[in-house]
Each structure stands twice: as structure tokens, then as C-alpha cells.
C-alpha atoms as a PDB file:
ATOM      1  CA  MET A   1     -22.909 -38.240   8.181  1.00  0.00           C
ATOM      2  CA  ALA A   2     -22.567 -42.149   8.360  1.00  0.00           C
ATOM      3  CA  PHE A   3     -23.281 -42.245   4.515  1.00  0.00           C
ATOM      4  CA  VAL A   4     -19.903 -39.634   3.971  1.00  0.00           C
ATOM      5  CA  TYR A   5     -17.906 -41.685   6.567  1.00  0.00           C
ATOM      6  CA  PHE A   6     -18.935 -45.000   4.728  1.00  0.00           C
ATOM      7  CA  ILE A   7     -18.120 -43.466   1.667  1.00  0.00           C
ATOM      8  CA  LEU A   8     -14.520 -42.626   3.114  1.00  0.00           C
ATOM      9  CA  ALA A   9     -13.983 -45.783   3.969  1.00  0.00           C
ATOM     10  CA  ALA A  10     -14.685 -47.624   1.178  1.00  0.00           C
ATOM     11  CA  ILE A  11     -12.169 -45.231  -0.740  1.00  0.00           C
ATOM     12  CA  VAL A  12      -9.499 -45.699   1.325  1.00  0.00           C
ATOM     13  CA  THR A  13      -9.974 -49.626   1.217  1.00  0.00           C
ATOM     14  CA  VAL A  14      -9.885 -49.461  -2.674  1.00  0.00           C
ATOM     15  CA  PHE A  15      -6.267 -47.084  -2.895  1.00  0.00           C
ATOM     16  CA  ALA A  16      -5.124 -50.100  -0.435  1.00  0.00           C
ATOM     17  CA  ALA A  17      -5.928 -52.854  -2.317  1.00  0.00           C
ATOM     18  CA  VAL A  18      -4.884 -51.430  -5.792  1.00  0.00           C
ATOM     19  CA  LYS A  19      -0.989 -51.032  -3.796  1.00  0.00           C
ATOM     20  CA  LEU A  20      -1.622 -54.355  -2.164  1.00  0.00           C
ATOM     21  CA  SER A  21      -2.003 -56.065  -5.529  1.00  0.00           C
ATOM     22  CA  GLN A  22       0.919 -54.274  -6.897  1.00  0.00           C
ATOM     23  CA  TYR A  23       2.954 -55.487  -3.910  1.00  0.00           C
ATOM     24  CA  ALA A  24       1.882 -59.100  -3.978  1.00  0.00           C
ATOM     25  CA  ASP A  25       2.469 -59.148  -7.688  1.00  0.00           C
ATOM     26  CA  VAL A  26       6.293 -58.607  -6.713  1.00  0.00           C
ATOM     27  CA  ILE A  27       6.587 -60.777  -3.958  1.00  0.00           C
ATOM     28  CA  SER A  28       5.338 -63.587  -6.545  1.00  0.00           C
ATOM     29  CA  GLU A  29       7.685 -62.686  -9.006  1.00  0.00           C
ATOM     30  CA  LYS A  30      10.635 -62.177  -6.802  1.00  0.00           C
ATOM     31  CA  THR A  31      10.131 -64.852  -3.798  1.00  0.00           C
ATOM     32  CA  SER A  32       9.747 -68.463  -4.325  1.00  0.00           C
ATOM     33  CA  MET A  33       6.319 -68.427  -3.707  1.00  0.00           C
ATOM     34  CA  GLY A  34       4.196 -68.530  -7.276  1.00  0.00           C
ATOM     35  CA  GLY A  35       1.542 -66.587  -7.922  1.00  0.00           C
ATOM     36  CA  MET A  36      -0.992 -69.150  -6.360  1.00  0.00           C
ATOM     37  CA  MET A  37       0.218 -69.219  -3.277  1.00  0.00           C
ATOM     38  CA  VAL A  38       0.748 -65.471  -2.881  1.00  0.00           C
ATOM     39  CA  GLY A  39      -3.230 -65.043  -4.196  1.00  0.00           C
ATOM     40  CA  THR A  40      -4.432 -68.142  -1.855  1.00  0.00           C
ATOM     41  CA  LEU A  41      -2.310 -67.034   1.281  1.00  0.00           C
ATOM     42  CA  LEU A  42      -0.783 -64.043   1.200  1.00  0.00           C
ATOM     43  CA  LEU A  43      -3.088 -61.770  -0.782  1.00  0.00           C
ATOM     44  CA  ALA A  44      -6.481 -63.754   0.542  1.00  0.00           C
ATOM     45  CA  GLY A  45      -5.470 -62.743   3.786  1.00  0.00           C
ATOM     46  CA  ALA A  46      -5.124 -59.296   3.531  1.00  0.00           C
ATOM     47  CA  THR A  47      -7.998 -58.447   1.391  1.00  0.00           C
ATOM     48  CA  SER A  48     -10.356 -60.474   4.205  1.00  0.00           C
ATOM     49  CA  LEU A  49      -8.441 -57.850   6.889  1.00  0.00           C
ATOM     50  CA  PRO A  50     -11.197 -55.801   6.158  1.00  0.00           C
ATOM     51  CA  GLU A  51     -14.037 -58.916   6.937  1.00  0.00           C
ATOM     52  CA  ILE A  52     -12.073 -59.434  10.094  1.00  0.00           C
ATOM     53  CA  SER A  53     -12.326 -56.364  11.441  1.00  0.00           C
ATOM     54  CA  THR A  54     -15.978 -55.581  10.414  1.00  0.00           C
ATOM     55  CA  SER A  55     -17.259 -59.006  12.000  1.00  0.00           C
ATOM     56  CA  PHE A  56     -15.042 -58.524  15.046  1.00  0.00           C
ATOM     57  CA  SER A  57     -16.369 -54.980  16.126  1.00  0.00           C
ATOM     58  CA  ALA A  58     -20.575 -56.117  14.702  1.00  0.00           C
ATOM     59  CA  ALA A  59     -20.230 -59.198  17.574  1.00  0.00           C
ATOM     60  CA  ALA A  60     -18.517 -56.942  19.984  1.00  0.00           C
ATOM     61  CA  ILE A  61     -21.503 -55.215  19.653  1.00  0.00           C
ATOM     62  CA  GLY A  62     -23.794 -57.474  19.695  1.00  0.00           C
ATOM     63  CA  ASN A  63     -24.880 -57.256  16.563  1.00  0.00           C
ATOM     64  CA  ALA A  64     -25.055 -60.917  15.676  1.00  0.00           C
ATOM     65  CA  ASP A  65     -26.757 -60.500  11.244  1.00  0.00           C
ATOM     66  CA  ILE A  66     -23.547 -57.816  10.358  1.00  0.00           C
ATOM     67  CA  ALA A  67     -20.836 -60.417  11.865  1.00  0.00           C
ATOM     68  CA  VAL A  68     -22.569 -63.366  10.207  1.00  0.00           C
ATOM     69  CA  GLY A  69     -24.146 -61.473   6.849  1.00  0.00           C
ATOM     70  CA  ASN A  70     -20.760 -59.959   6.346  1.00  0.00           C
ATOM     71  CA  MET A  71     -18.722 -63.119   5.990  1.00  0.00           C
ATOM     72  CA  ILE A  72     -21.448 -64.904   3.761  1.00  0.00           C
ATOM     73  CA  GLY A  73     -22.583 -62.067   1.942  1.00  0.00           C
ATOM     74  CA  SER A  74     -18.549 -61.195   1.274  1.00  0.00           C
ATOM     75  CA  ASN A  75     -18.031 -64.879   0.196  1.00  0.00           C
ATOM     76  CA  LEU A  76     -21.015 -64.741  -2.377  1.00  0.00           C
ATOM     77  CA  PHE A  77     -19.826 -61.371  -3.583  1.00  0.00           C
ATOM     78  CA  ASN A  78     -16.394 -62.562  -3.876  1.00  0.00           C
ATOM     79  CA  LEU A  79     -17.406 -65.582  -6.110  1.00  0.00           C
ATOM     80  CA  PHE A  80     -19.844 -62.824  -8.093  1.00  0.00           C
ATOM     81  CA  ILE A  81     -16.451 -60.949  -8.814  1.00  0.00           C
ATOM     82  CA  LEU A  82     -14.405 -63.664  -9.931  1.00  0.00           C
ATOM     83  CA  ALA A  83     -17.616 -65.442 -12.469  1.00  0.00           C
ATOM     84  CA  ALA A  84     -18.347 -61.227 -13.739  1.00  0.00           C
ATOM     85  CA  PHE A  85     -14.611 -61.429 -14.809  1.00  0.00           C
ATOM     86  CA  ASP A  86     -14.258 -64.738 -16.223  1.00  0.00           C
ATOM     87  CA  PHE A  87     -17.388 -63.745 -18.360  1.00  0.00           C
ATOM     88  CA  LEU A  88     -16.546 -60.637 -19.549  1.00  0.00           C
ATOM     89  CA  LEU A  89     -13.151 -61.711 -20.512  1.00  0.00           C
ATOM     90  CA  ARG A  90     -14.247 -65.351 -21.993  1.00  0.00           C
ATOM     91  CA  ARG A  91     -12.399 -65.185 -24.419  1.00  0.00           C
ATOM     92  CA  ARG A  92      -9.458 -64.974 -22.623  1.00  0.00           C
ATOM     93  CA  ARG A  93     -10.488 -68.118 -19.968  1.00  0.00           C
ATOM     94  CA  ILE A  94      -9.172 -67.239 -17.008  1.00  0.00           C
ATOM     95  CA  LEU A  95     -10.592 -70.582 -15.073  1.00  0.00           C
ATOM     96  CA  GLU A  96      -9.317 -72.325 -17.951  1.00  0.00           C
ATOM     97  CA  ARG A  97      -6.037 -70.846 -17.112  1.00  0.00           C
ATOM     98  CA  ALA A  98      -5.656 -71.495 -14.247  1.00  0.00           C
ATOM     99  CA  SER A  99      -3.610 -74.229 -12.050  1.00  0.00           C
ATOM    100  CA  ARG A 100      -5.919 -77.163 -11.435  1.00  0.00           C
ATOM    101  CA  ASP A 101      -4.904 -77.053  -8.120  1.00  0.00           C
ATOM    102  CA  HIS A 102      -7.476 -74.642  -7.373  1.00  0.00           C
ATOM    103  CA  ILE A 103     -10.077 -77.128  -6.595  1.00  0.00           C
ATOM    104  CA  TYR A 104      -8.457 -78.320  -3.397  1.00  0.00           C
ATOM    105  CA  THR A 105      -8.887 -74.731  -1.882  1.00  0.00           C
ATOM    106  CA  LEU A 106     -12.321 -74.665  -3.348  1.00  0.00           C
ATOM    107  CA  PHE A 107     -13.230 -78.177  -2.338  1.00  0.00           C
ATOM    108  CA  LEU A 108     -12.435 -77.238   1.548  1.00  0.00           C
ATOM    109  CA  GLY A 109     -14.423 -74.399   1.098  1.00  0.00           C
ATOM    110  CA  LEU A 110     -17.317 -76.383  -0.317  1.00  0.00           C
ATOM    111  CA  LEU A 111     -17.204 -78.418   2.809  1.00  0.00           C
ATOM    112  CA  LEU A 112     -16.901 -75.201   5.302  1.00  0.00           C
ATOM    113  CA  THR A 113     -19.751 -73.405   3.608  1.00  0.00           C
ATOM    114  CA  ALA A 114     -22.170 -76.899   3.651  1.00  0.00           C
ATOM    115  CA  LEU A 115     -20.963 -76.766   8.012  1.00  0.00           C
ATOM    116  CA  VAL A 116     -22.695 -73.300   8.104  1.00  0.00           C
ATOM    117  CA  ILE A 117     -25.987 -74.189   5.875  1.00  0.00           C
ATOM    118  CA  LEU A 118     -26.097 -76.913   8.814  1.00  0.00           C
ATOM    119  CA  ALA A 119     -24.856 -74.680  11.492  1.00  0.00           C
ATOM    120  CA  LEU A 120     -27.905 -72.198  10.472  1.00  0.00           C
ATOM    121  CA  TRP A 121     -30.112 -75.066   9.686  1.00  0.00           C
ATOM    122  CA  LEU A 122     -30.121 -76.979  13.046  1.00  0.00           C
ATOM    123  CA  ARG A 123     -29.509 -73.629  15.368  1.00  0.00           C
ATOM    124  CA  LEU A 124     -27.330 -75.680  17.841  1.00  0.00           C
ATOM    125  CA  ASP A 125     -27.773 -73.733  21.719  1.00  0.00           C
ATOM    126  CA  ALA A 126     -24.461 -75.491  22.522  1.00  0.00           C
ATOM    127  CA  SER A 127     -21.380 -74.476  23.679  1.00  0.00           C
ATOM    128  CA  ILE A 128     -17.986 -75.773  25.035  1.00  0.00           C
ATOM    129  CA  LEU A 129     -15.678 -72.967  26.998  1.00  0.00           C
ATOM    130  CA  GLY A 130     -17.652 -70.241  25.731  1.00  0.00           C
ATOM    131  CA  ILE A 131     -17.749 -70.917  22.339  1.00  0.00           C
ATOM    132  CA  GLY A 132     -20.495 -72.404  20.382  1.00  0.00           C
ATOM    133  CA  LEU A 133     -19.892 -76.371  19.115  1.00  0.00           C
ATOM    134  CA  ASP A 134     -20.892 -75.211  14.936  1.00  0.00           C
ATOM    135  CA  ALA A 135     -18.065 -72.829  15.470  1.00  0.00           C
ATOM    136  CA  TRP A 136     -15.593 -75.276  16.495  1.00  0.00           C
ATOM    137  CA  ILE A 137     -16.637 -77.916  14.173  1.00  0.00           C
ATOM    138  CA  ILE A 138     -16.295 -75.209  11.253  1.00  0.00           C
ATOM    139  CA  ALA A 139     -13.072 -73.997  12.823  1.00  0.00           C
ATOM    140  CA  LEU A 140     -11.405 -77.631  13.050  1.00  0.00           C
ATOM    141  CA  ALA A 141     -12.501 -78.292   9.749  1.00  0.00           C
ATOM    142  CA  TYR A 142     -10.858 -75.073   8.396  1.00  0.00           C
ATOM    143  CA  ILE A 143      -7.365 -76.157   9.977  1.00  0.00           C
ATOM    144  CA  PHE A 144      -7.192 -79.839   9.266  1.00  0.00           C
ATOM    145  CA  GLY A 145      -8.421 -78.928   5.485  1.00  0.00           C
ATOM    146  CA  MET A 146      -5.162 -76.671   5.284  1.00  0.00           C
ATOM    147  CA  LEU A 147      -3.300 -79.247   6.716  1.00  0.00           C
ATOM    148  CA  ALA A 148      -4.169 -81.931   4.263  1.00  0.00           C
ATOM    149  CA  ILE A 149      -4.020 -79.042   1.268  1.00  0.00           C
ATOM    150  CA  ASN A 150      -0.395 -78.356   1.951  1.00  0.00           C
ATOM    151  CA  LYS A 151       0.226 -82.220   2.209  1.00  0.00           C
ATOM    152  CA  LEU A 152      -1.348 -83.056  -1.328  1.00  0.00           C
ATOM    153  CA  PRO A 153       0.981 -83.269  -4.378  1.00  0.00           C
ATOM    154  CA  LYS A 154       0.562 -80.317  -6.519  1.00  0.00           C
ATOM    155  CA  SER A 155       0.974 -80.076 -10.366  1.00  0.00           C
ATOM    156  CA  GLU A 156       3.331 -78.305 -12.531  1.00  0.00           C
ATOM    157  CA  PRO A 157       2.252 -74.763 -13.527  1.00  0.00           C
ATOM    158  CA  ALA A 158       0.276 -74.605 -17.038  1.00  0.00           C
ATOM    159  CA  ALA A 159       2.737 -72.804 -19.741  1.00  0.00           C
ATOM    160  CA  THR A 160       0.131 -70.585 -20.565  1.00  0.00           C
ATOM    161  CA  GLN A 161      -1.639 -69.039 -17.164  1.00  0.00           C
ATOM    162  CA  SER A 162      -0.846 -65.591 -17.974  1.00  0.00           C
ATOM    163  CA  LEU A 163      -2.931 -63.491 -20.071  1.00  0.00           C
ATOM    164  CA  PRO A 164      -1.024 -62.018 -22.905  1.00  0.00           C
ATOM    165  CA  GLN A 165       1.045 -59.369 -22.629  1.00  0.00           C
ATOM    166  CA  THR A 166      -0.527 -56.744 -23.502  1.00  0.00           C
ATOM    167  CA  GLU A 167      -1.285 -55.272 -20.155  1.00  0.00           C
ATOM    168  CA  PRO A 168       0.346 -52.258 -18.401  1.00  0.00           C
ATOM    169  CA  ALA A 169       3.433 -53.240 -16.269  1.00  0.00           C
ATOM    170  CA  ASN A 170       3.494 -52.985 -12.492  1.00  0.00           C
ATOM    171  CA  PRO A 171       4.222 -49.591 -11.151  1.00  0.00           C
ATOM    172  CA  SER A 172       5.768 -51.260  -8.199  1.00  0.00           C
ATOM    173  CA  ALA A 173       8.414 -53.508  -9.816  1.00  0.00           C
ATOM    174  CA  SER A 174      11.385 -52.050  -9.456  1.00  0.00           C
ATOM    175  CA  LEU A 175      10.567 -52.745  -5.651  1.00  0.00           C
ATOM    176  CA  SER A 176      13.252 -55.416  -3.951  1.00  0.00           C
ATOM    177  CA  ALA A 177      11.527 -58.304  -1.944  1.00  0.00           C
ATOM    178  CA  ARG A 178      11.520 -57.389   0.938  1.00  0.00           C
ATOM    179  CA  ALA A 179      10.173 -53.018   0.360  1.00  0.00           C
ATOM    180  CA  ALA A 180       7.593 -55.316  -1.562  1.00  0.00           C
ATOM    181  CA  ILE A 181       6.520 -57.030   1.499  1.00  0.00           C
ATOM    182  CA  ALA A 182       7.304 -54.502   3.915  1.00  0.00           C
ATOM    183  CA  ARG A 183       4.797 -52.126   1.514  1.00  0.00           C
ATOM    184  CA  PHE A 184       2.140 -55.031   1.897  1.00  0.00           C
ATOM    185  CA  ILE A 185       2.103 -55.041   5.441  1.00  0.00           C
ATOM    186  CA  ALA A 186       1.158 -51.466   5.700  1.00  0.00           C
ATOM    187  CA  ALA A 187      -1.378 -51.565   2.875  1.00  0.00           C
ATOM    188  CA  ALA A 188      -2.836 -54.526   4.888  1.00  0.00           C
ATOM    189  CA  ILE A 189      -2.940 -52.100   7.893  1.00  0.00           C
ATOM    190  CA  ILE A 190      -4.491 -49.542   6.259  1.00  0.00           C
ATOM    191  CA  ILE A 191      -7.190 -51.830   4.716  1.00  0.00           C
ATOM    192  CA  LEU A 192      -7.707 -53.478   8.581  1.00  0.00           C
ATOM    193  CA  GLY A 193      -8.671 -49.608   9.882  1.00  0.00           C
ATOM    194  CA  ALA A 194     -10.621 -49.269   7.005  1.00  0.00           C
ATOM    195  CA  GLY A 195     -12.806 -52.589   7.568  1.00  0.00           C
ATOM    196  CA  THR A 196     -13.361 -51.286  11.081  1.00  0.00           C
ATOM    197  CA  ALA A 197     -14.717 -47.841  10.401  1.00  0.00           C
ATOM    198  CA  LEU A 198     -16.818 -49.619   7.386  1.00  0.00           C
ATOM    199  CA  SER A 199     -18.486 -51.931   9.909  1.00  0.00           C
ATOM    200  CA  ILE A 200     -19.078 -48.756  12.703  1.00  0.00           C
ATOM    201  CA  THR A 201     -20.537 -46.905  10.179  1.00  0.00           C
ATOM    202  CA  GLY A 202     -22.615 -49.825   8.514  1.00  0.00           C
ATOM    203  CA  ASP A 203     -24.286 -50.626  12.006  1.00  0.00           C
ATOM    204  CA  GLN A 204     -25.369 -46.828  11.913  1.00  0.00           C
ATOM    205  CA  ILE A 205     -26.912 -46.688   8.184  1.00  0.00           C
ATOM    206  CA  ALA A 206     -28.643 -50.229   9.146  1.00  0.00           C
ATOM    207  CA  VAL A 207     -30.307 -48.307  12.222  1.00  0.00           C
ATOM    208  CA  ILE A 208     -31.098 -44.901   9.696  1.00  0.00           C
ATOM    209  CA  THR A 209     -32.744 -46.898   6.801  1.00  0.00           C
ATOM    210  CA  GLY A 210     -34.261 -49.139   8.645  1.00  0.00           C
ATOM    211  CA  ILE A 211     -33.371 -51.642   6.149  1.00  0.00           C
ATOM    212  CA  GLY A 212     -32.005 -54.041   8.483  1.00  0.00           C
ATOM    213  CA  SER A 213     -28.877 -55.588   9.793  1.00  0.00           C
ATOM    214  CA  SER A 214     -29.403 -58.902   7.814  1.00  0.00           C
ATOM    215  CA  PHE A 215     -29.412 -57.235   4.513  1.00  0.00           C
ATOM    216  CA  ILE A 216     -27.058 -54.677   5.512  1.00  0.00           C
ATOM    217  CA  GLY A 217     -24.165 -57.244   6.308  1.00  0.00           C
ATOM    218  CA  SER A 218     -25.249 -59.808   3.397  1.00  0.00           C
ATOM    219  CA  PHE A 219     -25.399 -57.104   0.743  1.00  0.00           C
ATOM    220  CA  LEU A 220     -23.797 -53.483   1.468  1.00  0.00           C
ATOM    221  CA  ILE A 221     -21.444 -54.178   4.143  1.00  0.00           C
ATOM    222  CA  ALA A 222     -20.144 -57.402   2.507  1.00  0.00           C
ATOM    223  CA  ALA A 223     -19.650 -55.753  -1.069  1.00  0.00           C
ATOM    224  CA  THR A 224     -17.813 -52.928   0.039  1.00  0.00           C
ATOM    225  CA  THR A 225     -15.694 -55.432   2.544  1.00  0.00           C
ATOM    226  CA  SER A 226     -14.979 -57.075  -0.934  1.00  0.00           C
ATOM    227  CA  LEU A 227     -13.969 -54.256  -2.920  1.00  0.00           C
ATOM    228  CA  PRO A 228      -9.790 -55.179  -2.005  1.00  0.00           C
ATOM    229  CA  GLU A 229     -10.695 -58.596  -3.195  1.00  0.00           C
ATOM    230  CA  ALA A 230     -12.513 -57.062  -6.481  1.00  0.00           C
ATOM    231  CA  ILE A 231      -9.306 -54.298  -7.129  1.00  0.00           C
ATOM    232  CA  SER A 232      -6.836 -57.261  -6.390  1.00  0.00           C
ATOM    233  CA  VAL A 233      -8.986 -59.851  -9.122  1.00  0.00           C
ATOM    234  CA  PHE A 234      -8.716 -56.606 -11.348  1.00  0.00           C
ATOM    235  CA  VAL A 235      -5.425 -55.391 -11.133  1.00  0.00           C
ATOM    236  CA  ALA A 236      -3.495 -59.125 -10.437  1.00  0.00           C
ATOM    237  CA  LEU A 237      -5.525 -59.547 -14.003  1.00  0.00           C
ATOM    238  CA  ARG A 238      -4.106 -56.637 -15.840  1.00  0.00           C
ATOM    239  CA  LEU A 239      -1.222 -57.916 -14.699  1.00  0.00           C
ATOM    240  CA  SER A 240      -1.505 -61.198 -16.395  1.00  0.00           C
ATOM    241  CA  ASN A 241      -1.003 -63.066 -13.077  1.00  0.00           C
ATOM    242  CA  VAL A 242      -4.231 -65.385 -13.080  1.00  0.00           C
ATOM    243  CA  ASN A 243      -3.270 -67.771 -10.589  1.00  0.00           C
ATOM    244  CA  MET A 244      -2.762 -64.800  -7.770  1.00  0.00           C
ATOM    245  CA  ALA A 245      -6.271 -63.536  -9.104  1.00  0.00           C
ATOM    246  CA  VAL A 246      -7.940 -66.810  -8.809  1.00  0.00           C
ATOM    247  CA  GLY A 247      -6.304 -67.883  -5.476  1.00  0.00           C
ATOM    248  CA  ALA A 248      -7.305 -64.503  -4.156  1.00  0.00           C
ATOM    249  CA  VAL A 249     -11.015 -64.877  -4.232  1.00  0.00           C
ATOM    250  CA  LEU A 250     -11.069 -68.892  -3.352  1.00  0.00           C
ATOM    251  CA  GLY A 251      -8.664 -68.101  -0.374  1.00  0.00           C
ATOM    252  CA  SER A 252     -10.383 -65.048   1.047  1.00  0.00           C
ATOM    253  CA  ASN A 253     -13.961 -67.249   0.801  1.00  0.00           C
ATOM    254  CA  VAL A 254     -12.190 -70.477   2.896  1.00  0.00           C
ATOM    255  CA  PHE A 255     -10.396 -67.478   5.300  1.00  0.00           C
ATOM    256  CA  ASN A 256     -13.822 -65.940   5.449  1.00  0.00           C
ATOM    257  CA  MET A 257     -15.012 -69.004   6.931  1.00  0.00           C
ATOM    258  CA  ILE A 258     -12.564 -68.998   9.971  1.00  0.00           C
ATOM    259  CA  ILE A 259     -13.125 -65.260  10.969  1.00  0.00           C
ATOM    260  CA  LEU A 260     -16.687 -66.573  10.751  1.00  0.00           C
ATOM    261  CA  ALA A 261     -16.170 -69.937  13.493  1.00  0.00           C
ATOM    262  CA  ILE A 262     -13.432 -67.132  15.701  1.00  0.00           C
ATOM    263  CA  SER A 263     -16.062 -64.020  16.223  1.00  0.00           C
ATOM    264  CA  ASP A 264     -18.654 -66.286  17.695  1.00  0.00           C
ATOM    265  CA  PRO A 265     -16.277 -66.256  21.318  1.00  0.00           C
ATOM    266  CA  VAL A 266     -16.711 -62.332  20.919  1.00  0.00           C
ATOM    267  CA  TYR A 267     -20.390 -62.551  20.710  1.00  0.00           C
ATOM    268  CA  THR A 268     -21.424 -62.863  24.378  1.00  0.00           C
ATOM    269  CA  ALA A 269     -24.688 -63.667  24.066  1.00  0.00           C
ATOM    270  CA  GLY A 270     -24.766 -67.050  23.241  1.00  0.00           C
ATOM    271  CA  PRO A 271     -23.580 -69.193  19.767  1.00  0.00           C
ATOM    272  CA  ILE A 272     -23.662 -66.594  16.700  1.00  0.00           C
ATOM    273  CA  LEU A 273     -25.007 -68.477  14.488  1.00  0.00           C
ATOM    274  CA  SER A 274     -28.228 -69.406  16.419  1.00  0.00           C
ATOM    275  CA  ALA A 275     -29.181 -65.852  17.074  1.00  0.00           C
ATOM    276  CA  VAL A 276     -29.060 -64.870  13.626  1.00  0.00           C
ATOM    277  CA  SER A 277     -31.625 -64.207  10.508  1.00  0.00           C
ATOM    278  CA  ASN A 278     -33.351 -67.319   8.845  1.00  0.00           C
ATOM    279  CA  SER A 279     -32.270 -65.234   5.601  1.00  0.00           C
ATOM    280  CA  HIS A 280     -28.752 -66.035   5.996  1.00  0.00           C
ATOM    281  CA  LEU A 281     -29.243 -69.450   4.877  1.00  0.00           C
ATOM    282  CA  ILE A 282     -30.149 -68.259   1.838  1.00  0.00           C
ATOM    283  CA  ILE A 283     -26.964 -66.410   1.054  1.00  0.00           C
ATOM    284  CA  ALA A 284     -25.144 -69.721   2.317  1.00  0.00           C
ATOM    285  CA  VAL A 285     -26.898 -71.653  -0.192  1.00  0.00           C
ATOM    286  CA  GLY A 286     -26.383 -69.529  -2.639  1.00  0.00           C
ATOM    287  CA  VAL A 287     -22.578 -69.655  -1.798  1.00  0.00           C
ATOM    288  CA  PHE A 288     -21.989 -73.431  -2.373  1.00  0.00           C
ATOM    289  CA  PHE A 289     -24.112 -73.813  -5.577  1.00  0.00           C
ATOM    290  CA  MET A 290     -22.668 -70.935  -7.643  1.00  0.00           C
ATOM    291  CA  SER A 291     -18.693 -72.667  -5.631  1.00  0.00           C
ATOM    292  CA  LEU A 292     -19.961 -75.859  -7.349  1.00  0.00           C
ATOM    293  CA  LEU A 293     -20.187 -73.685 -10.438  1.00  0.00           C
ATOM    294  CA  VAL A 294     -16.781 -72.439 -10.399  1.00  0.00           C
ATOM    295  CA  LEU A 295     -15.650 -75.883  -9.709  1.00  0.00           C
ATOM    296  CA  TYR A 296     -17.302 -76.879 -13.032  1.00  0.00           C
ATOM    297  CA  SER A 297     -15.565 -74.063 -14.894  1.00  0.00           C
ATOM    298  CA  LEU A 298     -11.604 -75.519 -13.008  1.00  0.00           C
ATOM    299  CA  LEU A 299     -12.388 -78.984 -14.149  1.00  0.00           C
ATOM    300  CA  GLN A 300     -14.123 -78.710 -17.855  1.00  0.00           C
ATOM    301  CA  LYS A 301     -12.220 -79.228 -20.556  1.00  0.00           C
ATOM    302  CA  LYS A 302     -11.340 -77.265 -23.140  1.00  0.00           C
ATOM    303  CA  THR A 303     -14.358 -76.008 -25.790  1.00  0.00           C
ATOM    304  CA  ILE A 304     -14.252 -74.066 -28.923  1.00  0.00           C
ATOM    305  CA  SER A 305     -17.713 -72.654 -27.701  1.00  0.00           C
ATOM    306  CA  ASN A 306     -16.925 -69.220 -25.830  1.00  0.00           C
ATOM    307  CA  PHE A 307     -20.791 -69.826 -24.966  1.00  0.00           C
ATOM    308  CA  LYS A 308     -20.313 -73.137 -23.481  1.00  0.00           C
ATOM    309  CA  TYR A 309     -17.173 -72.081 -21.699  1.00  0.00           C
ATOM    310  CA  ALA A 310     -18.837 -68.991 -20.324  1.00  0.00           C
ATOM    311  CA  LEU A 311     -22.061 -70.573 -19.305  1.00  0.00           C
ATOM    312  CA  PRO A 312     -21.266 -71.732 -15.869  1.00  0.00           C
ATOM    313  CA  SER A 313     -20.104 -68.002 -14.971  1.00  0.00           C
ATOM    314  CA  ALA A 314     -23.121 -66.505 -16.494  1.00  0.00           C
ATOM    315  CA  ILE A 315     -25.578 -68.822 -14.414  1.00  0.00           C
ATOM    316  CA  VAL A 316     -23.057 -67.766 -11.143  1.00  0.00           C
ATOM    317  CA  ILE A 317     -24.260 -64.242 -11.745  1.00  0.00           C
ATOM    318  CA  LEU A 318     -27.490 -64.666 -12.085  1.00  0.00           C
ATOM    319  CA  ILE A 319     -27.482 -66.778  -8.629  1.00  0.00           C
ATOM    320  CA  TYR A 320     -26.001 -63.797  -7.111  1.00  0.00           C
ATOM    321  CA  PHE A 321     -28.933 -61.325  -7.939  1.00  0.00           C
ATOM    322  CA  ILE A 322     -31.496 -63.968  -7.324  1.00  0.00           C
ATOM    323  CA  ALA A 323     -29.943 -64.386  -3.651  1.00  0.00           C
ATOM    324  CA  SER A 324     -29.504 -61.065  -2.649  1.00  0.00           C
ATOM    325  CA  TYR A 325     -33.408 -60.320  -4.193  1.00  0.00           C
ATOM    326  CA  LEU A 326     -34.809 -62.915  -2.202  1.00  0.00           C
ATOM    327  CA  ASN A 327     -32.221 -62.046   0.828  1.00  0.00           C
ATOM    328  CA  PHE A 328     -34.358 -58.542   0.812  1.00  0.00           C
ATOM    329  CA  THR A 329     -37.563 -59.485   0.485  1.00  0.00           C
ATOM    330  CA  TYR A 330     -37.434 -62.446   2.878  1.00  0.00           C
END
């Protein structure tokens, strides 16, 4: 029955994510918040709710590998999602159309990922007020990083950030901003509940299959809890909102790092990053290099060749499969 409940929770997550993206698009159109702001803050935070409930639940029941693997694996899968859409839609140049302001979020994500890699390598056993020293450092880096991003100058939106207007209209476009916000909150709560179910059933699947919590957390649960991001990117692109699509992924990856840090006090057996399998280091390094390639794609000059444009995304996809394989065979 664990598999049945897992699939049902995943289906509910997908449905709620579709509605969440539609409401977010309305909010970006009918408020002063643009697509980038809605994607990076609202949509990224809401689509990360399954990761919050999953990691907190896993940490509470003492399964550090699922708690940590879910967060790092979700970041790996999120970048895979973005690269896959960019590669498949390479003629539309998704990352080329996106605002250069996304590099601020990417730089913060790279910093936080580097800190996680360092923590997994050093295995610090030091704690302050019952929270691991590494978790404190990651949390403080996130806070100061977000404050710095808010103070950095923002560029003007590019003239052609949207995809060609051949996409279907948003079925929720007639909603007022207030109604869209209310429904956005309701969809987010549904996603939060589904994420808790994914955590509990995922832990049961790890026991039943004997595959191991590290791989289950980094691959199966991470991919499933990242379904909201995948659906959000898909819906945002169909609604021609490129910045919301890119912001949802990059913002979610940054948000996941702070979730990883605040999962530490929920795990009562010590610093959570010192209690997990070494295989998580493979995934974290994969996330770091994938982030660098996405950064390159955002910064590269406009090119005539679709092959040259899509090459970084193709490499990101390759790294995803290599990291997943190495994690499984470790």
C-alpha cells in the first residue's frame, strides 16, 4: 500500500502545482510584482513546501539520509528540469530570454552549495544551542545573501522575455489579484500536505525495497517533491512567462538550502550533515557544476548556432544521470 499512497500523493502534488502556477501568473500580471519576483519568491517558496514537510518529517523520525538527500537531490532534479526544457526548446532560447538578474540568485545558490559540500566533507560535530555549526553558517549565508540581493540594482526587463504568443491562455486569467492570492495559498497548503505523505511513504518504500534511504531520498523522493517545480516551469512556459519559470527553479534551489539548515534542530541525534552517507557529496558536487553551467548559459552572448547555445544544457542533463548513477552504485 505504500506504493499506492506514494503515487496518490504525487498525483495530488501535480494537480495542485498546475493551479499554483496559474494563480502565480495572475499575481505577476495583476500586481506590481513581475514574473521574476513571483517566480523567485512566491512560486519558489510554495513549490518547495513538499521539501519542507518531507525533510522535517524525515528528520523527526531520525532518517537523516532522506532529510538531506531530499534537499540536495531536489536541487539536482530542479536544474535537470530547467536544462531539459531549455534543451528541448532550444530554438526559443529560454535562458537567453531570461533576465540577467537571475545571476544574483545563482551566485547565492553556488555559495550555499559550496558550504554544503564543505560540511559534508569536513563532518563537523560542533553544535551551538543544539544546532550544528555548519547549519548556522548556511543559515547566516542565506540571510545575508538575500539581504544583499534585495539591495543590488535590478536591470530593466528585456523586451523579448516572453515566448511567442502561440501558447494557450491562462484559464485563471479572469481572477482578481486578491482571489488569485487566496487560491494560491490554498493550493500551497494542499502541496504541503501531499509532501508530508510523500515523506512517510518514501521512508516505508526504502525499508520495503532495501534500496537504501540515501538513494531513495536523493532520487525518488527528491524527484517527486520536485514535481511542483517541474509542473510550474512547464505551465509558466506555456503561459509565456519565462522569468517566472527560471525564477521558480533558481529560487527553489536557494530556498531548499535554508530548509536543509533548519532541519538540523529537528534531527535530535546531532548535526544532521555529519550523520548522512558520503554519497550525498556526489549529488552536491553535481549540483555545483550544473549551477555553473546554467550561470554560463545566462551570461553567454547571443549565438547563431542552436547547437552552441544548447550545449551547456545538454551537459547539465548528462551530469544529472552520471550523478544519479554514481549515487545508486556508491
